[in-house]
Amino acid sequence: MRELSDTQVYSLSLKAPAQARRRLGKYRAALEPGLYDDVCIVTSELVSNAVLHSGKAEGDPITVTTSLAASVFRIEVIDGADVISVLRPVHPRRSGLSYVAILSDRWAGSTTTPFSVWAEFDVHTNGLVRRPPPV
């Protein structure tokens, strides 16, 4: 499998999720169609939640890094906010917030570290990779 990576800086805005999704086109040929669709949805959700909950002002920079190496596709969204992210309760129907709940072990926010959220997919099983967040 060919290794690919991309890092982009976007202005924090309601346009950022769509911009990040469009950048995923370079991975289309390397991922199965179903996994590519999942990656696009999760990327939109991660960037949307950064836009809504990071604490940064509109127009501030947000970094989206994607990579495909070995058998793992990784998406990471980081900004330099200095606030604690607070999530609303998850609704029973599938919504952006329910995806956040699924990814909650990948969510970081504190007064001393930047807001960050990430997801990793196993490209062989098309499932989320579960591992503890870095310390």
N, C-alpha and C. Protein backbone atom coordinates (compact mmCIF):
# COMPACT_ATOMS: atom_id res chain seq x y z
N MET A 1 0.83 -1.17 0.00
CA MET A 1 0.00 0.00 0.00
C MET A 1 0.89 1.25 0.00
N ARG A 2 0.51 2.19 -0.82
CA ARG A 2 1.23 3.45 -0.94
C ARG A 2 0.92 4.34 0.26
N GLU A 3 1.95 4.91 0.88
CA GLU A 3 1.74 5.82 2.01
C GLU A 3 1.41 7.21 1.49
N LEU A 4 0.43 7.84 2.11
CA LEU A 4 0.00 9.18 1.74
C LEU A 4 -0.18 9.99 3.01
N SER A 5 0.03 11.29 2.92
CA SER A 5 -0.28 12.17 4.05
C SER A 5 -0.55 13.57 3.55
N ASP A 6 -1.25 14.32 4.35
CA ASP A 6 -1.62 15.67 3.97
C ASP A 6 -1.89 16.47 5.25
N THR A 7 -1.36 17.67 5.31
CA THR A 7 -1.67 18.58 6.41
C THR A 7 -2.12 19.90 5.80
N GLN A 8 -3.28 20.36 6.24
CA GLN A 8 -3.85 21.60 5.74
C GLN A 8 -4.27 22.47 6.92
N VAL A 9 -4.11 23.76 6.75
CA VAL A 9 -4.58 24.72 7.74
C VAL A 9 -5.76 25.45 7.13
N TYR A 10 -6.87 25.45 7.85
CA TYR A 10 -8.09 26.12 7.41
C TYR A 10 -8.44 27.22 8.40
N SER A 11 -9.21 28.18 7.92
CA SER A 11 -9.80 29.17 8.81
C SER A 11 -10.98 28.53 9.50
N LEU A 12 -11.07 28.71 10.80
CA LEU A 12 -12.18 28.15 11.56
C LEU A 12 -13.45 28.83 11.07
N SER A 13 -14.29 28.07 10.39
CA SER A 13 -15.54 28.60 9.86
C SER A 13 -16.45 27.44 9.51
N LEU A 14 -17.68 27.75 9.18
CA LEU A 14 -18.63 26.72 8.78
C LEU A 14 -18.24 26.08 7.45
N LYS A 15 -17.33 26.68 6.70
CA LYS A 15 -16.86 26.11 5.43
C LYS A 15 -15.76 25.07 5.63
N ALA A 16 -15.12 25.06 6.79
CA ALA A 16 -13.97 24.19 7.03
C ALA A 16 -14.28 22.70 6.85
N PRO A 17 -15.43 22.17 7.33
CA PRO A 17 -15.68 20.74 7.13
C PRO A 17 -15.73 20.34 5.65
N ALA A 18 -16.38 21.14 4.83
CA ALA A 18 -16.45 20.83 3.40
C ALA A 18 -15.07 20.94 2.75
N GLN A 19 -14.30 21.93 3.15
CA GLN A 19 -12.94 22.08 2.61
C GLN A 19 -12.09 20.86 2.96
N ALA A 20 -12.17 20.41 4.20
CA ALA A 20 -11.40 19.24 4.63
C ALA A 20 -11.85 17.98 3.89
N ARG A 21 -13.14 17.84 3.71
CA ARG A 21 -13.69 16.69 2.98
C ARG A 21 -13.17 16.65 1.54
N ARG A 22 -13.15 17.80 0.88
CA ARG A 22 -12.68 17.85 -0.51
C ARG A 22 -11.22 17.40 -0.63
N ARG A 23 -10.40 17.70 0.38
CA ARG A 23 -8.98 17.31 0.35
C ARG A 23 -8.78 15.80 0.44
N LEU A 24 -9.82 15.07 0.83
CA LEU A 24 -9.70 13.62 0.96
C LEU A 24 -9.69 12.90 -0.39
N GLY A 25 -9.94 13.60 -1.47
CA GLY A 25 -9.98 13.00 -2.79
C GLY A 25 -8.71 12.23 -3.15
N LYS A 26 -7.58 12.67 -2.62
CA LYS A 26 -6.32 11.99 -2.93
C LYS A 26 -6.28 10.57 -2.38
N TYR A 27 -7.17 10.24 -1.42
CA TYR A 27 -7.20 8.91 -0.83
C TYR A 27 -8.23 7.98 -1.48
N ARG A 28 -9.05 8.51 -2.37
CA ARG A 28 -10.16 7.75 -2.94
C ARG A 28 -9.70 6.42 -3.56
N ALA A 29 -8.65 6.44 -4.34
CA ALA A 29 -8.19 5.22 -5.02
C ALA A 29 -7.54 4.22 -4.05
N ALA A 30 -7.06 4.70 -2.92
CA ALA A 30 -6.35 3.83 -1.98
C ALA A 30 -7.28 3.16 -0.97
N LEU A 31 -8.52 3.63 -0.86
CA LEU A 31 -9.47 3.10 0.13
C LEU A 31 -10.66 2.47 -0.57
N GLU A 32 -11.23 1.44 0.04
CA GLU A 32 -12.46 0.86 -0.49
C GLU A 32 -13.55 1.93 -0.47
N PRO A 33 -14.48 1.88 -1.43
CA PRO A 33 -15.51 2.94 -1.49
C PRO A 33 -16.28 3.13 -0.18
N GLY A 34 -16.67 2.05 0.49
CA GLY A 34 -17.40 2.19 1.76
C GLY A 34 -16.57 2.86 2.83
N LEU A 35 -15.29 2.51 2.90
CA LEU A 35 -14.41 3.14 3.89
C LEU A 35 -14.17 4.59 3.52
N TYR A 36 -14.00 4.87 2.25
CA TYR A 36 -13.81 6.27 1.83
C TYR A 36 -15.00 7.12 2.27
N ASP A 37 -16.22 6.60 2.09
CA ASP A 37 -17.42 7.34 2.52
C ASP A 37 -17.40 7.56 4.03
N ASP A 38 -17.04 6.53 4.80
CA ASP A 38 -16.96 6.67 6.26
C ASP A 38 -15.93 7.71 6.67
N VAL A 39 -14.77 7.68 6.00
CA VAL A 39 -13.70 8.64 6.29
C VAL A 39 -14.19 10.07 6.03
N CYS A 40 -14.93 10.25 4.95
CA CYS A 40 -15.47 11.59 4.65
C CYS A 40 -16.45 12.05 5.72
N ILE A 41 -17.33 11.15 6.16
CA ILE A 41 -18.31 11.50 7.19
C ILE A 41 -17.60 11.84 8.50
N VAL A 42 -16.68 11.00 8.91
CA VAL A 42 -15.99 11.23 10.19
C VAL A 42 -15.15 12.50 10.13
N THR A 43 -14.49 12.75 9.00
CA THR A 43 -13.72 13.99 8.86
C THR A 43 -14.64 15.20 9.02
N SER A 44 -15.79 15.17 8.37
CA SER A 44 -16.76 16.27 8.51
C SER A 44 -17.16 16.45 9.96
N GLU A 45 -17.42 15.36 10.67
CA GLU A 45 -17.85 15.45 12.06
C GLU A 45 -16.75 16.00 12.96
N LEU A 46 -15.53 15.53 12.76
CA LEU A 46 -14.43 16.01 13.60
C LEU A 46 -14.17 17.49 13.39
N VAL A 47 -14.15 17.92 12.14
CA VAL A 47 -13.91 19.34 11.85
C VAL A 47 -15.10 20.18 12.32
N SER A 48 -16.31 19.70 12.10
CA SER A 48 -17.51 20.43 12.55
C SER A 48 -17.48 20.64 14.05
N ASN A 49 -17.11 19.61 14.79
CA ASN A 49 -17.08 19.74 16.24
C ASN A 49 -15.96 20.66 16.69
N ALA A 50 -14.85 20.69 15.97
CA ALA A 50 -13.80 21.66 16.29
C ALA A 50 -14.32 23.07 16.06
N VAL A 51 -15.04 23.27 14.97
CA VAL A 51 -15.59 24.59 14.66
C VAL A 51 -16.56 25.03 15.75
N LEU A 52 -17.40 24.11 16.19
CA LEU A 52 -18.44 24.46 17.16
C LEU A 52 -17.98 24.48 18.61
N HIS A 53 -16.97 23.67 18.97
CA HIS A 53 -16.66 23.48 20.38
C HIS A 53 -15.24 23.79 20.80
N SER A 54 -14.39 24.23 19.88
CA SER A 54 -12.98 24.40 20.25
C SER A 54 -12.72 25.62 21.11
N GLY A 55 -13.56 26.63 21.01
CA GLY A 55 -13.33 27.84 21.77
C GLY A 55 -12.54 28.89 21.00
N LYS A 56 -12.08 28.56 19.82
CA LYS A 56 -11.37 29.53 18.99
C LYS A 56 -12.38 30.45 18.31
N ALA A 57 -11.89 31.61 17.92
CA ALA A 57 -12.74 32.58 17.22
C ALA A 57 -12.82 32.24 15.74
N GLU A 58 -13.92 32.63 15.11
CA GLU A 58 -14.06 32.41 13.67
C GLU A 58 -12.87 33.06 12.97
N GLY A 59 -12.30 32.31 12.01
CA GLY A 59 -11.15 32.79 11.26
C GLY A 59 -9.82 32.33 11.81
N ASP A 60 -9.79 31.89 13.07
CA ASP A 60 -8.54 31.37 13.64
C ASP A 60 -8.15 30.09 12.90
N PRO A 61 -6.87 29.75 12.93
CA PRO A 61 -6.43 28.56 12.20
C PRO A 61 -6.79 27.25 12.91
N ILE A 62 -7.08 26.26 12.10
CA ILE A 62 -7.32 24.90 12.56
C ILE A 62 -6.55 23.98 11.61
N THR A 63 -5.85 23.00 12.16
CA THR A 63 -5.02 22.12 11.34
C THR A 63 -5.68 20.75 11.24
N VAL A 64 -5.80 20.26 10.00
CA VAL A 64 -6.35 18.93 9.74
C VAL A 64 -5.26 18.11 9.07
N THR A 65 -4.87 17.03 9.74
CA THR A 65 -3.83 16.15 9.20
C THR A 65 -4.45 14.79 8.92
N THR A 66 -4.22 14.29 7.71
CA THR A 66 -4.68 12.96 7.33
C THR A 66 -3.48 12.16 6.88
N SER A 67 -3.51 10.86 7.16
CA SER A 67 -2.41 10.01 6.70
C SER A 67 -2.90 8.59 6.50
N LEU A 68 -2.26 7.91 5.56
CA LEU A 68 -2.51 6.51 5.30
C LEU A 68 -1.16 5.84 5.29
N ALA A 69 -0.91 4.99 6.27
CA ALA A 69 0.36 4.29 6.39
C ALA A 69 0.09 2.89 6.90
N ALA A 70 0.80 1.92 6.34
CA ALA A 70 0.59 0.51 6.69
C ALA A 70 -0.89 0.20 6.50
N SER A 71 -1.60 -0.13 7.55
CA SER A 71 -3.02 -0.47 7.39
C SER A 71 -3.92 0.49 8.15
N VAL A 72 -3.43 1.70 8.45
CA VAL A 72 -4.21 2.64 9.26
C VAL A 72 -4.37 3.97 8.52
N PHE A 73 -5.63 4.43 8.46
CA PHE A 73 -5.93 5.77 7.98
C PHE A 73 -6.23 6.61 9.21
N ARG A 74 -5.55 7.76 9.36
CA ARG A 74 -5.70 8.62 10.54
C ARG A 74 -6.13 10.02 10.11
N ILE A 75 -7.07 10.57 10.89
CA ILE A 75 -7.53 11.94 10.75
C ILE A 75 -7.31 12.61 12.09
N GLU A 76 -6.70 13.80 12.08
CA GLU A 76 -6.49 14.52 13.33
C GLU A 76 -6.79 15.99 13.11
N VAL A 77 -7.52 16.58 14.04
CA VAL A 77 -7.87 18.00 13.98
C VAL A 77 -7.33 18.65 15.25
N ILE A 78 -6.55 19.72 15.08
CA ILE A 78 -5.93 20.40 16.22
C ILE A 78 -6.08 21.90 16.06
N ASP A 79 -6.32 22.58 17.17
CA ASP A 79 -6.19 24.03 17.21
C ASP A 79 -5.55 24.40 18.54
N GLY A 80 -5.35 25.65 18.77
CA GLY A 80 -4.65 26.07 19.98
C GLY A 80 -5.55 26.64 21.05
N ALA A 81 -6.80 26.21 21.07
CA ALA A 81 -7.74 26.77 22.05
C ALA A 81 -7.28 26.47 23.47
N ASP A 82 -7.58 27.38 24.37
CA ASP A 82 -7.19 27.17 25.77
C ASP A 82 -8.41 27.04 26.67
N VAL A 83 -9.43 26.37 26.15
CA VAL A 83 -10.65 26.14 26.94
C VAL A 83 -10.95 24.64 26.95
N ILE A 84 -11.76 24.24 27.91
CA ILE A 84 -12.19 22.84 27.97
C ILE A 84 -13.42 22.69 27.08
N SER A 85 -13.38 21.70 26.19
CA SER A 85 -14.51 21.43 25.32
C SER A 85 -15.61 20.75 26.11
N VAL A 86 -16.83 21.20 25.91
CA VAL A 86 -17.98 20.62 26.62
C VAL A 86 -18.94 20.10 25.57
N LEU A 87 -19.28 18.82 25.66
CA LEU A 87 -20.19 18.21 24.70
C LEU A 87 -21.59 18.12 25.28
N ARG A 88 -22.58 18.32 24.44
CA ARG A 88 -23.97 18.14 24.85
C ARG A 88 -24.29 16.65 24.89
N PRO A 89 -25.39 16.26 25.57
CA PRO A 89 -25.77 14.84 25.61
C PRO A 89 -26.03 14.31 24.20
N VAL A 90 -25.75 13.04 24.00
CA VAL A 90 -25.96 12.41 22.70
C VAL A 90 -27.43 12.01 22.55
N HIS A 91 -28.00 12.32 21.41
CA HIS A 91 -29.38 11.94 21.12
C HIS A 91 -29.40 10.50 20.61
N PRO A 92 -30.48 9.75 20.83
CA PRO A 92 -30.51 8.35 20.43
C PRO A 92 -30.41 8.14 18.92
N ARG A 93 -30.91 9.07 18.13
CA ARG A 93 -30.80 8.90 16.67
C ARG A 93 -29.38 9.21 16.24
N ARG A 94 -28.99 8.70 15.08
CA ARG A 94 -27.65 8.96 14.57
C ARG A 94 -27.53 10.44 14.25
N SER A 95 -26.59 11.06 14.87
CA SER A 95 -26.35 12.48 14.63
C SER A 95 -24.86 12.72 14.78
N GLY A 96 -24.44 13.93 14.49
CA GLY A 96 -23.04 14.27 14.69
C GLY A 96 -22.60 14.00 16.11
N LEU A 97 -23.47 14.27 17.07
CA LEU A 97 -23.10 14.05 18.46
C LEU A 97 -22.94 12.57 18.78
N SER A 98 -23.70 11.70 18.11
CA SER A 98 -23.52 10.27 18.37
C SER A 98 -22.17 9.80 17.85
N TYR A 99 -21.70 10.38 16.75
CA TYR A 99 -20.36 10.03 16.27
C TYR A 99 -19.29 10.53 17.24
N VAL A 100 -19.51 11.67 17.82
CA VAL A 100 -18.58 12.18 18.83
C VAL A 100 -18.50 11.21 20.00
N ALA A 101 -19.65 10.68 20.42
CA ALA A 101 -19.64 9.71 21.52
C ALA A 101 -18.81 8.49 21.16
N ILE A 102 -18.94 8.01 19.94
CA ILE A 102 -18.16 6.86 19.48
C ILE A 102 -16.67 7.18 19.55
N LEU A 103 -16.32 8.41 19.24
CA LEU A 103 -14.92 8.82 19.17
C LEU A 103 -14.43 9.47 20.45
N SER A 104 -15.20 9.41 21.52
CA SER A 104 -14.90 10.19 22.70
C SER A 104 -13.57 9.86 23.36
N ASP A 105 -13.06 8.63 23.15
CA ASP A 105 -11.76 8.33 23.74
C ASP A 105 -10.63 8.99 22.97
N ARG A 106 -10.97 9.68 21.91
CA ARG A 106 -9.98 10.35 21.09
C ARG A 106 -10.07 11.87 21.22
N TRP A 107 -10.80 12.34 22.20
CA TRP A 107 -11.07 13.76 22.35
C TRP A 107 -10.19 14.33 23.44
N ALA A 108 -9.55 15.45 23.19
CA ALA A 108 -8.70 16.06 24.21
C ALA A 108 -8.97 17.55 24.24
N GLY A 109 -9.03 18.09 25.42
CA GLY A 109 -9.19 19.52 25.57
C GLY A 109 -8.93 19.87 27.02
N SER A 110 -8.11 20.85 27.24
CA SER A 110 -7.83 21.24 28.61
C SER A 110 -7.32 22.67 28.60
N THR A 111 -7.01 23.18 29.76
CA THR A 111 -6.50 24.54 29.83
C THR A 111 -5.03 24.62 29.47
N THR A 112 -4.37 23.48 29.32
CA THR A 112 -2.93 23.51 29.03
C THR A 112 -2.56 22.87 27.70
N THR A 113 -3.50 22.22 27.02
CA THR A 113 -3.19 21.59 25.74
C THR A 113 -4.18 22.08 24.68
N PRO A 114 -3.78 22.04 23.42
CA PRO A 114 -4.71 22.45 22.37
C PRO A 114 -5.89 21.49 22.27
N PHE A 115 -7.00 22.01 21.76
CA PHE A 115 -8.13 21.16 21.41
C PHE A 115 -7.65 20.20 20.34
N SER A 116 -7.92 18.92 20.49
CA SER A 116 -7.59 17.97 19.43
C SER A 116 -8.57 16.82 19.45
N VAL A 117 -8.81 16.27 18.29
CA VAL A 117 -9.67 15.11 18.15
C VAL A 117 -9.13 14.31 16.97
N TRP A 118 -9.21 12.99 17.07
CA TRP A 118 -8.67 12.17 16.00
C TRP A 118 -9.47 10.88 15.88
N ALA A 119 -9.31 10.23 14.74
CA ALA A 119 -9.90 8.91 14.52
C ALA A 119 -8.93 8.13 13.65
N GLU A 120 -8.91 6.83 13.86
CA GLU A 120 -8.08 5.95 13.05
C GLU A 120 -8.93 4.78 12.57
N PHE A 121 -8.77 4.41 11.31
CA PHE A 121 -9.48 3.30 10.70
C PHE A 121 -8.50 2.22 10.29
N ASP A 122 -8.85 0.97 10.55
CA ASP A 122 -8.09 -0.17 10.02
C ASP A 122 -8.59 -0.37 8.59
N VAL A 123 -7.72 -0.22 7.61
CA VAL A 123 -8.17 -0.29 6.22
C VAL A 123 -8.50 -1.71 5.77
N HIS A 124 -8.11 -2.72 6.54
CA HIS A 124 -8.45 -4.10 6.20
C HIS A 124 -9.83 -4.48 6.71
N THR A 125 -10.19 -4.00 7.90
CA THR A 125 -11.50 -4.35 8.47
C THR A 125 -12.52 -3.23 8.31
N ASN A 126 -12.06 -2.04 7.91
CA ASN A 126 -12.90 -0.85 7.79
C ASN A 126 -13.48 -0.41 9.13
N GLY A 127 -12.87 -0.84 10.22
CA GLY A 127 -13.36 -0.48 11.54
C GLY A 127 -12.46 0.55 12.20
N LEU A 128 -13.00 1.19 13.24
CA LEU A 128 -12.20 2.15 14.00
C LEU A 128 -11.13 1.42 14.80
N VAL A 129 -9.94 1.97 14.83
CA VAL A 129 -8.87 1.44 15.64
C VAL A 129 -9.08 1.98 17.05
N ARG A 130 -9.09 1.11 18.03
CA ARG A 130 -9.28 1.54 19.42
C ARG A 130 -7.94 1.47 20.14
N ARG A 131 -7.49 2.60 20.63
CA ARG A 131 -6.27 2.66 21.44
C ARG A 131 -6.37 3.85 22.37
N PRO A 132 -5.70 3.80 23.48
CA PRO A 132 -5.79 4.92 24.42
C PRO A 132 -5.16 6.18 23.83
N PRO A 133 -5.68 7.34 24.20
CA PRO A 133 -5.10 8.59 23.70
C PRO A 133 -3.68 8.77 24.25
N PRO A 134 -2.84 9.51 23.51
CA PRO A 134 -1.48 9.74 23.99
C PRO A 134 -1.48 10.55 25.29
N VAL A 135 -0.50 10.32 26.10
CA VAL A 135 -0.41 11.02 27.39
C VAL A 135 0.27 12.35 27.22
